[in-house]
Each structure stands twice: as C-alpha cells, then as structure tokens.
N, C-alpha and C. Protein backbone atom coordinates (compact mmCIF):
# COMPACT_ATOMS: atom_id res chain seq x y z
N UNK A 1 13.09 42.76 -31.59
CA UNK A 1 13.12 42.39 -30.21
C UNK A 1 11.74 42.68 -29.48
N UNK A 2 11.10 43.73 -29.88
CA UNK A 2 9.88 44.21 -29.34
C UNK A 2 8.78 43.07 -29.78
N UNK A 3 8.91 42.37 -30.92
CA UNK A 3 7.92 41.41 -31.28
C UNK A 3 8.16 40.27 -30.50
N UNK A 4 9.31 39.82 -30.19
CA UNK A 4 9.65 38.63 -29.28
C UNK A 4 9.03 38.73 -27.94
N UNK A 5 9.16 40.00 -27.39
CA UNK A 5 8.64 40.32 -25.91
C UNK A 5 7.19 40.22 -26.06
N UNK A 6 6.53 40.84 -26.97
CA UNK A 6 5.11 40.78 -27.16
C UNK A 6 4.53 39.34 -27.40
N UNK A 7 5.37 38.51 -28.23
CA UNK A 7 4.95 37.11 -28.41
C UNK A 7 5.08 36.30 -27.26
N UNK A 8 6.24 36.52 -26.35
CA UNK A 8 6.29 35.77 -25.16
C UNK A 8 5.27 36.18 -24.15
N UNK A 9 4.86 37.51 -24.17
CA UNK A 9 3.77 38.08 -23.15
C UNK A 9 2.46 37.42 -23.63
N UNK A 10 2.22 37.37 -24.89
CA UNK A 10 0.82 36.80 -25.38
C UNK A 10 0.91 35.29 -25.19
N UNK A 11 2.12 34.60 -25.31
CA UNK A 11 2.08 33.09 -25.01
C UNK A 11 1.93 32.90 -23.55
N UNK A 12 2.46 33.70 -22.65
CA UNK A 12 2.27 33.43 -21.19
C UNK A 12 0.82 33.79 -20.79
N UNK A 13 0.09 34.75 -21.32
CA UNK A 13 -1.25 35.06 -21.02
C UNK A 13 -2.10 33.74 -21.49
N UNK A 14 -1.85 33.27 -22.65
CA UNK A 14 -2.46 32.16 -23.24
C UNK A 14 -2.46 30.97 -22.26
N UNK A 15 -1.10 30.70 -21.82
CA UNK A 15 -0.96 29.48 -20.92
C UNK A 15 -1.57 29.65 -19.77
N UNK A 16 -1.57 30.79 -19.12
CA UNK A 16 -2.16 31.26 -17.89
C UNK A 16 -3.69 30.90 -18.00
N UNK A 17 -4.34 31.48 -18.97
CA UNK A 17 -5.69 31.22 -19.23
C UNK A 17 -6.21 29.82 -19.39
N UNK A 18 -5.31 29.07 -20.15
CA UNK A 18 -5.56 27.71 -20.43
C UNK A 18 -5.57 26.92 -19.05
N UNK A 19 -4.56 27.02 -18.30
CA UNK A 19 -4.39 26.38 -17.18
C UNK A 19 -5.52 26.72 -16.10
N UNK A 20 -5.82 27.94 -16.04
CA UNK A 20 -6.89 28.46 -15.15
C UNK A 20 -8.29 27.74 -15.66
N UNK A 21 -8.49 27.79 -16.86
CA UNK A 21 -9.77 27.12 -17.35
C UNK A 21 -9.73 25.70 -16.96
N UNK A 22 -8.64 25.01 -17.15
CA UNK A 22 -8.67 23.58 -16.79
C UNK A 22 -8.71 23.25 -15.40
N UNK A 23 -8.43 24.25 -14.53
CA UNK A 23 -8.53 24.00 -13.15
C UNK A 23 -9.97 24.34 -12.48
N UNK A 24 -10.70 24.79 -13.33
CA UNK A 24 -12.19 24.95 -12.88
C UNK A 24 -12.79 26.32 -13.34
N UNK A 25 -12.19 26.95 -14.13
CA UNK A 25 -12.82 28.19 -14.56
C UNK A 25 -12.29 29.52 -13.87
N UNK A 26 -12.55 30.63 -14.46
CA UNK A 26 -12.26 31.85 -13.87
C UNK A 26 -12.86 32.27 -12.57
N UNK A 27 -14.13 31.99 -12.51
CA UNK A 27 -14.87 32.33 -11.36
C UNK A 27 -15.07 31.36 -10.23
N UNK A 28 -14.38 30.27 -10.32
CA UNK A 28 -14.33 29.20 -9.28
C UNK A 28 -13.59 29.66 -8.08
N UNK A 29 -14.14 29.50 -6.89
CA UNK A 29 -13.37 29.74 -5.73
C UNK A 29 -12.83 28.43 -5.07
N UNK A 30 -12.03 28.54 -4.06
CA UNK A 30 -11.49 27.30 -3.55
C UNK A 30 -12.54 26.60 -2.89
N UNK A 31 -12.57 25.23 -2.89
CA UNK A 31 -13.51 24.51 -2.30
C UNK A 31 -13.43 24.52 -0.65
N UNK A 32 -14.59 24.79 -0.09
CA UNK A 32 -14.39 24.94 1.38
C UNK A 32 -14.32 23.67 2.14
N UNK A 33 -13.40 23.66 3.12
CA UNK A 33 -13.18 22.50 3.81
C UNK A 33 -14.27 22.23 4.77
N UNK A 34 -14.77 21.02 4.85
CA UNK A 34 -15.76 20.76 5.74
C UNK A 34 -15.41 20.86 7.23
N UNK A 35 -16.30 21.50 7.99
CA UNK A 35 -15.98 21.86 9.43
C UNK A 35 -15.86 20.51 10.28
N UNK A 36 -14.72 20.15 10.84
CA UNK A 36 -14.78 18.95 11.73
C UNK A 36 -15.83 19.01 12.80
N UNK A 37 -16.40 17.81 13.20
CA UNK A 37 -17.26 17.71 14.20
C UNK A 37 -16.69 18.23 15.45
N UNK A 38 -17.55 18.92 16.32
CA UNK A 38 -17.04 19.46 17.54
C UNK A 38 -16.93 18.36 18.43
N UNK A 39 -15.92 18.23 19.19
CA UNK A 39 -15.53 17.15 20.20
C UNK A 39 -14.99 17.73 21.48
N UNK A 40 -15.07 17.11 22.46
CA UNK A 40 -14.47 17.69 23.80
C UNK A 40 -12.96 18.05 23.50
N UNK A 41 -12.66 19.22 24.03
CA UNK A 41 -11.20 19.52 23.96
C UNK A 41 -10.42 18.93 25.01
N UNK A 42 -10.98 18.77 26.19
CA UNK A 42 -10.23 18.23 27.37
C UNK A 42 -11.24 17.31 27.98
N UNK A 43 -10.72 16.37 28.88
CA UNK A 43 -11.52 15.32 29.51
C UNK A 43 -12.59 15.97 30.34
N UNK A 44 -12.42 17.08 30.93
CA UNK A 44 -13.52 17.76 31.79
C UNK A 44 -14.72 18.25 30.83
N UNK A 45 -14.46 18.24 29.59
CA UNK A 45 -15.50 18.80 28.65
C UNK A 45 -16.37 17.51 28.05
N UNK A 46 -15.96 16.37 28.36
CA UNK A 46 -16.54 15.12 27.86
C UNK A 46 -17.51 14.57 28.89
N UNK A 47 -18.85 14.63 28.41
CA UNK A 47 -19.90 14.20 29.21
C UNK A 47 -19.76 12.91 29.81
N UNK A 48 -19.45 11.94 28.91
CA UNK A 48 -19.25 10.54 29.22
C UNK A 48 -18.15 10.37 30.29
N UNK A 49 -17.02 11.01 30.17
CA UNK A 49 -15.97 11.08 31.03
C UNK A 49 -16.35 11.47 32.43
N UNK A 50 -17.14 12.56 32.42
CA UNK A 50 -17.63 13.14 33.74
C UNK A 50 -18.57 12.23 34.47
N UNK A 51 -19.43 11.54 33.67
CA UNK A 51 -20.40 10.62 34.14
C UNK A 51 -19.70 9.36 34.70
N UNK A 52 -18.67 8.94 34.16
CA UNK A 52 -17.89 7.84 34.64
C UNK A 52 -17.26 8.22 35.93
N UNK A 53 -16.63 9.60 35.96
CA UNK A 53 -16.16 9.85 37.37
C UNK A 53 -17.11 9.78 38.40
N UNK A 54 -18.33 10.39 38.12
CA UNK A 54 -19.43 10.39 39.06
C UNK A 54 -19.69 8.88 39.50
N UNK A 55 -19.75 7.97 38.71
CA UNK A 55 -20.00 6.59 38.98
C UNK A 55 -18.92 6.11 40.00
N UNK A 56 -17.73 6.40 39.64
CA UNK A 56 -16.63 5.99 40.36
C UNK A 56 -16.73 6.52 41.88
N UNK A 57 -17.02 7.86 41.98
CA UNK A 57 -17.10 8.46 43.18
C UNK A 57 -18.15 7.92 43.95
N UNK A 58 -19.43 7.69 43.28
CA UNK A 58 -20.54 7.03 44.01
C UNK A 58 -20.12 5.69 44.56
N UNK A 59 -19.45 4.96 43.83
CA UNK A 59 -18.99 3.58 44.17
C UNK A 59 -18.07 3.60 45.38
N UNK A 60 -17.20 4.64 45.45
CA UNK A 60 -16.29 4.71 46.44
C UNK A 60 -16.96 5.24 47.80
N UNK A 61 -17.99 5.93 47.69
CA UNK A 61 -18.67 6.25 48.78
C UNK A 61 -19.51 5.18 49.50
N UNK A 62 -19.87 4.38 48.70
CA UNK A 62 -20.68 3.13 49.15
C UNK A 62 -19.82 2.19 49.94
N UNK A 63 -18.56 2.12 49.61
CA UNK A 63 -17.60 1.18 50.23
C UNK A 63 -17.35 1.65 51.66
C-alpha cells in the first residue's frame, strides 16, 4: 500500500513538472497586460468636447 501511495505521489510530481515546463518553465511569470491608453473618463475631461462647447457658446453669443 505504501508503494502505491509513493508511486502516485511520484507520478503526480512528474506530471506537474512536465506541465509546468510545457507552459513556459519554472521561472516564468505571468505576462503583463499592456496598459490601455489613457482617455477621457467623462465628457468634461475631453479637450475636444470642451473646445466644441466653447465654439457653440461663442456662436450663440454672436447671434
């Protein structure tokens, strides 16, 4: 019975190491996700949006 447990343990370790090696080695870390480009969170953070509002306001003042 002890031989069977040791055999299963050895087999489990061998499978674990084999899979880990196939997935990129023991020292490989997870690939870092590229940081998404910063973009305006709300319309009032968007320079183009604010510029367009200023144009509309200026056009309304001229009328």
